All heavy atoms as atom14 arrays in JSON, in Angstrom:
{
  "sequence": "CQFCKALEIGMRIANVMNKAEYLAAKKHLENA",
  "atom14_mask": [
    [1, 1, 1, 1, 1, 1, 0, 0, 0, 0, 0, 0, 0, 0],
    [1, 1, 1, 1, 1, 1, 1, 1, 1, 0, 0, 0, 0, 0],
    [1, 1, 1, 1, 1, 1, 1, 1, 1, 1, 1, 0, 0, 0],
    [1, 1, 1, 1, 1, 1, 0, 0, 0, 0, 0, 0, 0, 0],
    [1, 1, 1, 1, 1, 1, 1, 1, 1, 0, 0, 0, 0, 0],
    [1, 1, 1, 1, 1, 0, 0, 0, 0, 0, 0, 0, 0, 0],
    [1, 1, 1, 1, 1, 1, 1, 1, 0, 0, 0, 0, 0, 0],
    [1, 1, 1, 1, 1, 1, 1, 1, 1, 0, 0, 0, 0, 0],
    [1, 1, 1, 1, 1, 1, 1, 1, 0, 0, 0, 0, 0, 0],
    [1, 1, 1, 1, 0, 0, 0, 0, 0, 0, 0, 0, 0, 0],
    [1, 1, 1, 1, 1, 1, 1, 1, 0, 0, 0, 0, 0, 0],
    [1, 1, 1, 1, 1, 1, 1, 1, 1, 1, 1, 0, 0, 0],
    [1, 1, 1, 1, 1, 1, 1, 1, 0, 0, 0, 0, 0, 0],
    [1, 1, 1, 1, 1, 0, 0, 0, 0, 0, 0, 0, 0, 0],
    [1, 1, 1, 1, 1, 1, 1, 1, 0, 0, 0, 0, 0, 0],
    [1, 1, 1, 1, 1, 1, 1, 0, 0, 0, 0, 0, 0, 0],
    [1, 1, 1, 1, 1, 1, 1, 1, 0, 0, 0, 0, 0, 0],
    [1, 1, 1, 1, 1, 1, 1, 1, 0, 0, 0, 0, 0, 0],
    [1, 1, 1, 1, 1, 1, 1, 1, 1, 0, 0, 0, 0, 0],
    [1, 1, 1, 1, 1, 0, 0, 0, 0, 0, 0, 0, 0, 0],
    [1, 1, 1, 1, 1, 1, 1, 1, 1, 0, 0, 0, 0, 0],
    [1, 1, 1, 1, 1, 1, 1, 1, 1, 1, 1, 1, 0, 0],
    [1, 1, 1, 1, 1, 1, 1, 1, 0, 0, 0, 0, 0, 0],
    [1, 1, 1, 1, 1, 0, 0, 0, 0, 0, 0, 0, 0, 0],
    [1, 1, 1, 1, 1, 0, 0, 0, 0, 0, 0, 0, 0, 0],
    [1, 1, 1, 1, 1, 1, 1, 1, 1, 0, 0, 0, 0, 0],
    [1, 1, 1, 1, 1, 1, 1, 1, 1, 0, 0, 0, 0, 0],
    [1, 1, 1, 1, 1, 1, 1, 1, 1, 1, 0, 0, 0, 0],
    [1, 1, 1, 1, 1, 1, 1, 1, 0, 0, 0, 0, 0, 0],
    [1, 1, 1, 1, 1, 1, 1, 1, 1, 0, 0, 0, 0, 0],
    [1, 1, 1, 1, 1, 1, 1, 1, 0, 0, 0, 0, 0, 0],
    [1, 1, 1, 1, 1, 0, 0, 0, 0, 0, 0, 0, 0, 0]
  ],
  "atom14_positions": [
    [[0.84, -1.2, 0.0], [0.0, 0.0, 0.0], [0.88, 1.25, 0.0], [0.68, 2.17, -0.81], [-0.92, -0.02, 1.22], [-1.88, 1.49, 1.46], [0.0, 0.0, 0.0], [0.0, 0.0, 0.0], [0.0, 0.0, 0.0], [0.0, 0.0, 0.0], [0.0, 0.0, 0.0], [0.0, 0.0, 0.0], [0.0, 0.0, 0.0], [0.0, 0.0, 0.0]],
    [[1.85, 1.3, 0.9], [2.74, 2.46, 0.98], [3.57, 2.6, -0.29], [3.79, 3.71, -0.78], [3.67, 2.33, 2.2], [2.95, 2.4, 3.53], [2.36, 3.77, 3.77], [3.02, 4.8, 3.62], [1.09, 3.8, 4.13], [0.0, 0.0, 0.0], [0.0, 0.0, 0.0], [0.0, 0.0, 0.0], [0.0, 0.0, 0.0], [0.0, 0.0, 0.0]],
    [[4.01, 1.49, -0.83], [4.81, 1.49, -2.06], [4.0, 2.1, -3.21], [4.49, 2.94, -3.95], [5.26, 0.07, -2.39], [6.32, 0.0, -3.43], [7.64, 0.28, -3.12], [6.01, -0.35, -4.73], [8.63, 0.21, -4.09], [7.0, -0.41, -5.71], [8.31, -0.14, -5.38], [0.0, 0.0, 0.0], [0.0, 0.0, 0.0], [0.0, 0.0, 0.0]],
    [[2.75, 1.68, -3.33], [1.88, 2.21, -4.4], [1.62, 3.7, -4.22], [1.58, 4.44, -5.2], [0.56, 1.45, -4.45], [0.72, -0.21, -5.1], [0.0, 0.0, 0.0], [0.0, 0.0, 0.0], [0.0, 0.0, 0.0], [0.0, 0.0, 0.0], [0.0, 0.0, 0.0], [0.0, 0.0, 0.0], [0.0, 0.0, 0.0], [0.0, 0.0, 0.0]],
    [[1.44, 4.13, -2.97], [1.24, 5.56, -2.71], [2.45, 6.36, -3.17], [2.32, 7.43, -3.76], [0.95, 5.81, -1.24], [-0.44, 5.38, -0.81], [-0.69, 5.63, 0.66], [-2.09, 5.17, 1.04], [-2.42, 5.5, 2.44], [0.0, 0.0, 0.0], [0.0, 0.0, 0.0], [0.0, 0.0, 0.0], [0.0, 0.0, 0.0], [0.0, 0.0, 0.0]],
    [[3.63, 5.82, -2.89], [4.87, 6.5, -3.31], [4.98, 6.55, -4.83], [5.34, 7.57, -5.41], [6.08, 5.8, -2.71], [0.0, 0.0, 0.0], [0.0, 0.0, 0.0], [0.0, 0.0, 0.0], [0.0, 0.0, 0.0], [0.0, 0.0, 0.0], [0.0, 0.0, 0.0], [0.0, 0.0, 0.0], [0.0, 0.0, 0.0], [0.0, 0.0, 0.0]],
    [[4.66, 5.43, -5.49], [4.74, 5.39, -6.95], [3.71, 6.33, -7.59], [3.99, 6.95, -8.62], [4.57, 3.97, -7.47], [5.7, 3.02, -7.12], [5.38, 1.62, -7.62], [7.03, 3.49, -7.66], [0.0, 0.0, 0.0], [0.0, 0.0, 0.0], [0.0, 0.0, 0.0], [0.0, 0.0, 0.0], [0.0, 0.0, 0.0], [0.0, 0.0, 0.0]],
    [[2.54, 6.43, -6.97], [1.53, 7.37, -7.48], [2.08, 8.79, -7.46], [2.02, 9.51, -8.46], [0.26, 7.3, -6.63], [-0.78, 8.32, -7.05], [-1.75, 8.69, -5.95], [-1.75, 8.08, -4.88], [-2.5, 9.65, -6.19], [0.0, 0.0, 0.0], [0.0, 0.0, 0.0], [0.0, 0.0, 0.0], [0.0, 0.0, 0.0], [0.0, 0.0, 0.0]],
    [[2.65, 9.19, -6.33], [3.21, 10.53, -6.22], [4.38, 10.69, -7.18], [4.48, 11.68, -7.9], [3.67, 10.81, -4.77], [2.47, 10.86, -3.83], [4.46, 12.12, -4.7], [2.84, 10.87, -2.35], [0.0, 0.0, 0.0], [0.0, 0.0, 0.0], [0.0, 0.0, 0.0], [0.0, 0.0, 0.0], [0.0, 0.0, 0.0], [0.0, 0.0, 0.0]],
    [[5.26, 9.69, -7.2], [6.44, 9.75, -8.07], [6.07, 9.91, -9.53], [6.7, 10.66, -10.27], [0.0, 0.0, 0.0], [0.0, 0.0, 0.0], [0.0, 0.0, 0.0], [0.0, 0.0, 0.0], [0.0, 0.0, 0.0], [0.0, 0.0, 0.0], [0.0, 0.0, 0.0], [0.0, 0.0, 0.0], [0.0, 0.0, 0.0], [0.0, 0.0, 0.0]],
    [[5.04, 9.2, -9.95], [4.62, 9.28, -11.35], [4.0, 10.65, -11.65], [4.22, 11.2, -12.72], [3.62, 8.17, -11.66], [3.37, 7.99, -13.13], [2.52, 6.45, -13.48], [3.9, 5.32, -13.43], [0.0, 0.0, 0.0], [0.0, 0.0, 0.0], [0.0, 0.0, 0.0], [0.0, 0.0, 0.0], [0.0, 0.0, 0.0], [0.0, 0.0, 0.0]],
    [[3.25, 11.19, -10.69], [2.62, 12.5, -10.9], [3.67, 13.61, -11.0], [3.49, 14.58, -11.73], [1.67, 12.83, -9.75], [0.24, 12.49, -10.02], [-0.72, 13.06, -9.01], [-0.53, 12.47, -7.68], [-0.15, 13.14, -6.6], [0.07, 14.42, -6.64], [0.01, 12.54, -5.44], [0.0, 0.0, 0.0], [0.0, 0.0, 0.0], [0.0, 0.0, 0.0]],
    [[4.75, 13.46, -10.26], [5.72, 14.54, -10.17], [7.01, 14.25, -10.94], [8.02, 14.91, -10.73], [6.06, 14.86, -8.7], [6.71, 13.66, -8.01], [4.84, 15.33, -7.96], [7.28, 13.96, -6.65], [0.0, 0.0, 0.0], [0.0, 0.0, 0.0], [0.0, 0.0, 0.0], [0.0, 0.0, 0.0], [0.0, 0.0, 0.0], [0.0, 0.0, 0.0]],
    [[6.98, 13.27, -11.83], [8.19, 12.8, -12.5], [9.07, 13.92, -13.04], [10.27, 13.9, -12.86], [7.82, 11.84, -13.62], [0.0, 0.0, 0.0], [0.0, 0.0, 0.0], [0.0, 0.0, 0.0], [0.0, 0.0, 0.0], [0.0, 0.0, 0.0], [0.0, 0.0, 0.0], [0.0, 0.0, 0.0], [0.0, 0.0, 0.0], [0.0, 0.0, 0.0]],
    [[8.49, 14.88, -13.69], [9.31, 15.94, -14.29], [9.26, 17.24, -13.53], [10.15, 18.07, -13.67], [8.87, 16.17, -15.74], [9.16, 14.97, -16.6], [10.19, 14.34, -16.45], [8.24, 14.64, -17.49], [0.0, 0.0, 0.0], [0.0, 0.0, 0.0], [0.0, 0.0, 0.0], [0.0, 0.0, 0.0], [0.0, 0.0, 0.0], [0.0, 0.0, 0.0]],
    [[8.23, 17.46, -12.76], [8.09, 18.72, -12.03], [7.94, 18.39, -10.55], [6.84, 18.34, -10.02], [6.86, 19.52, -12.52], [6.81, 20.88, -11.86], [6.86, 19.64, -14.02], [0.0, 0.0, 0.0], [0.0, 0.0, 0.0], [0.0, 0.0, 0.0], [0.0, 0.0, 0.0], [0.0, 0.0, 0.0], [0.0, 0.0, 0.0], [0.0, 0.0, 0.0]],
    [[9.06, 18.16, -9.91], [9.02, 17.8, -8.5], [8.95, 19.03, -7.63], [9.65, 20.01, -7.88], [10.28, 17.03, -8.12], [10.31, 15.62, -8.57], [11.65, 14.78, -7.68], [11.78, 13.31, -8.62], [0.0, 0.0, 0.0], [0.0, 0.0, 0.0], [0.0, 0.0, 0.0], [0.0, 0.0, 0.0], [0.0, 0.0, 0.0], [0.0, 0.0, 0.0]],
    [[8.11, 18.96, -6.61], [8.21, 19.96, -5.56], [8.63, 19.24, -4.3], [8.41, 18.04, -4.14], [6.92, 20.78, -5.41], [5.8, 20.02, -4.77], [5.99, 19.4, -3.71], [4.64, 20.05, -5.38], [0.0, 0.0, 0.0], [0.0, 0.0, 0.0], [0.0, 0.0, 0.0], [0.0, 0.0, 0.0], [0.0, 0.0, 0.0], [0.0, 0.0, 0.0]],
    [[9.22, 19.97, -3.4], [9.85, 19.35, -2.23], [8.84, 18.61, -1.35], [9.13, 17.52, -0.85], [10.61, 20.39, -1.42], [11.48, 19.77, -0.38], [12.57, 20.68, 0.09], [13.55, 19.89, 0.93], [14.76, 20.6, 1.15], [0.0, 0.0, 0.0], [0.0, 0.0, 0.0], [0.0, 0.0, 0.0], [0.0, 0.0, 0.0], [0.0, 0.0, 0.0]],
    [[7.66, 19.16, -1.16], [6.66, 18.52, -0.29], [6.26, 17.15, -0.85], [6.18, 16.17, -0.1], [5.43, 19.41, -0.14], [0.0, 0.0, 0.0], [0.0, 0.0, 0.0], [0.0, 0.0, 0.0], [0.0, 0.0, 0.0], [0.0, 0.0, 0.0], [0.0, 0.0, 0.0], [0.0, 0.0, 0.0], [0.0, 0.0, 0.0], [0.0, 0.0, 0.0]],
    [[6.01, 17.06, -2.16], [5.63, 15.79, -2.76], [6.8, 14.81, -2.75], [6.61, 13.61, -2.51], [5.1, 16.0, -4.17], [3.73, 16.65, -4.18], [3.19, 16.86, -5.58], [3.96, 17.25, -6.47], [1.98, 16.62, -5.75], [0.0, 0.0, 0.0], [0.0, 0.0, 0.0], [0.0, 0.0, 0.0], [0.0, 0.0, 0.0], [0.0, 0.0, 0.0]],
    [[7.98, 15.32, -3.01], [9.19, 14.48, -2.96], [9.34, 13.86, -1.57], [9.53, 12.65, -1.43], [10.4, 15.33, -3.33], [11.75, 14.76, -2.94], [12.25, 13.62, -3.55], [12.52, 15.39, -1.96], [13.5, 13.11, -3.19], [13.76, 14.89, -1.61], [14.25, 13.75, -2.21], [15.47, 13.24, -1.86], [0.0, 0.0, 0.0], [0.0, 0.0, 0.0]],
    [[9.2, 14.68, -0.53], [9.33, 14.18, 0.84], [8.2, 13.21, 1.2], [8.42, 12.23, 1.91], [9.38, 15.35, 1.83], [10.62, 16.24, 1.7], [10.51, 17.46, 2.62], [11.9, 15.46, 1.99], [0.0, 0.0, 0.0], [0.0, 0.0, 0.0], [0.0, 0.0, 0.0], [0.0, 0.0, 0.0], [0.0, 0.0, 0.0], [0.0, 0.0, 0.0]],
    [[7.0, 13.46, 0.68], [5.87, 12.55, 0.93], [6.14, 11.19, 0.29], [5.9, 10.14, 0.91], [4.57, 13.15, 0.39], [0.0, 0.0, 0.0], [0.0, 0.0, 0.0], [0.0, 0.0, 0.0], [0.0, 0.0, 0.0], [0.0, 0.0, 0.0], [0.0, 0.0, 0.0], [0.0, 0.0, 0.0], [0.0, 0.0, 0.0], [0.0, 0.0, 0.0]],
    [[6.64, 11.2, -0.94], [6.95, 9.94, -1.62], [8.03, 9.18, -0.87], [7.94, 7.96, -0.67], [7.38, 10.2, -3.07], [0.0, 0.0, 0.0], [0.0, 0.0, 0.0], [0.0, 0.0, 0.0], [0.0, 0.0, 0.0], [0.0, 0.0, 0.0], [0.0, 0.0, 0.0], [0.0, 0.0, 0.0], [0.0, 0.0, 0.0], [0.0, 0.0, 0.0]],
    [[9.07, 9.89, -0.41], [10.14, 9.25, 0.37], [9.58, 8.61, 1.64], [9.96, 7.49, 1.99], [11.22, 10.27, 0.74], [12.2, 10.57, -0.35], [13.3, 11.51, 0.11], [14.15, 10.97, 1.21], [15.11, 9.92, 0.85], [0.0, 0.0, 0.0], [0.0, 0.0, 0.0], [0.0, 0.0, 0.0], [0.0, 0.0, 0.0], [0.0, 0.0, 0.0]],
    [[8.67, 9.32, 2.31], [8.09, 8.8, 3.56], [7.3, 7.51, 3.29], [7.41, 6.55, 4.04], [7.19, 9.87, 4.2], [6.66, 9.47, 5.54], [7.79, 9.37, 6.55], [7.27, 9.0, 7.92], [8.33, 8.6, 8.82], [0.0, 0.0, 0.0], [0.0, 0.0, 0.0], [0.0, 0.0, 0.0], [0.0, 0.0, 0.0], [0.0, 0.0, 0.0]],
    [[6.53, 7.49, 2.2], [5.79, 6.28, 1.85], [6.75, 5.11, 1.55], [6.48, 3.97, 1.95], [4.87, 6.51, 0.64], [3.66, 7.33, 0.96], [2.73, 6.98, 1.91], [3.23, 8.5, 0.44], [1.77, 7.88, 1.96], [2.05, 8.82, 1.08], [0.0, 0.0, 0.0], [0.0, 0.0, 0.0], [0.0, 0.0, 0.0], [0.0, 0.0, 0.0]],
    [[7.84, 5.4, 0.87], [8.81, 4.34, 0.56], [9.5, 3.84, 1.83], [9.73, 2.64, 1.98], [9.83, 4.83, -0.47], [9.26, 4.96, -1.88], [10.2, 5.78, -2.77], [9.0, 3.59, -2.49], [0.0, 0.0, 0.0], [0.0, 0.0, 0.0], [0.0, 0.0, 0.0], [0.0, 0.0, 0.0], [0.0, 0.0, 0.0], [0.0, 0.0, 0.0]],
    [[9.82, 4.73, 2.76], [10.39, 4.31, 4.04], [9.4, 3.44, 4.8], [9.78, 2.41, 5.36], [10.76, 5.54, 4.89], [11.96, 6.29, 4.4], [12.15, 7.62, 5.14], [11.59, 7.79, 6.24], [12.85, 8.49, 4.6], [0.0, 0.0, 0.0], [0.0, 0.0, 0.0], [0.0, 0.0, 0.0], [0.0, 0.0, 0.0], [0.0, 0.0, 0.0]],
    [[8.13, 3.86, 4.82], [7.1, 3.07, 5.49], [6.95, 1.7, 4.84], [6.8, 0.69, 5.53], [5.75, 3.8, 5.47], [5.72, 5.0, 6.37], [6.54, 5.14, 7.28], [4.79, 5.91, 6.12], [0.0, 0.0, 0.0], [0.0, 0.0, 0.0], [0.0, 0.0, 0.0], [0.0, 0.0, 0.0], [0.0, 0.0, 0.0], [0.0, 0.0, 0.0]],
    [[6.96, 1.67, 3.51], [6.86, 0.4, 2.8], [8.01, -0.52, 3.2], [7.8, -1.69, 3.54], [6.87, 0.62, 1.28], [0.0, 0.0, 0.0], [0.0, 0.0, 0.0], [0.0, 0.0, 0.0], [0.0, 0.0, 0.0], [0.0, 0.0, 0.0], [0.0, 0.0, 0.0], [0.0, 0.0, 0.0], [0.0, 0.0, 0.0], [0.0, 0.0, 0.0]]
  ]
}
């Protein structure tokens, strides 16, 4: 579940990353 949440964010922000989304994706991957 956490892995998918991270991939969802990562895919949405692939080219235009903002720090908040980047940190959210990292947190989901750590949780996973």
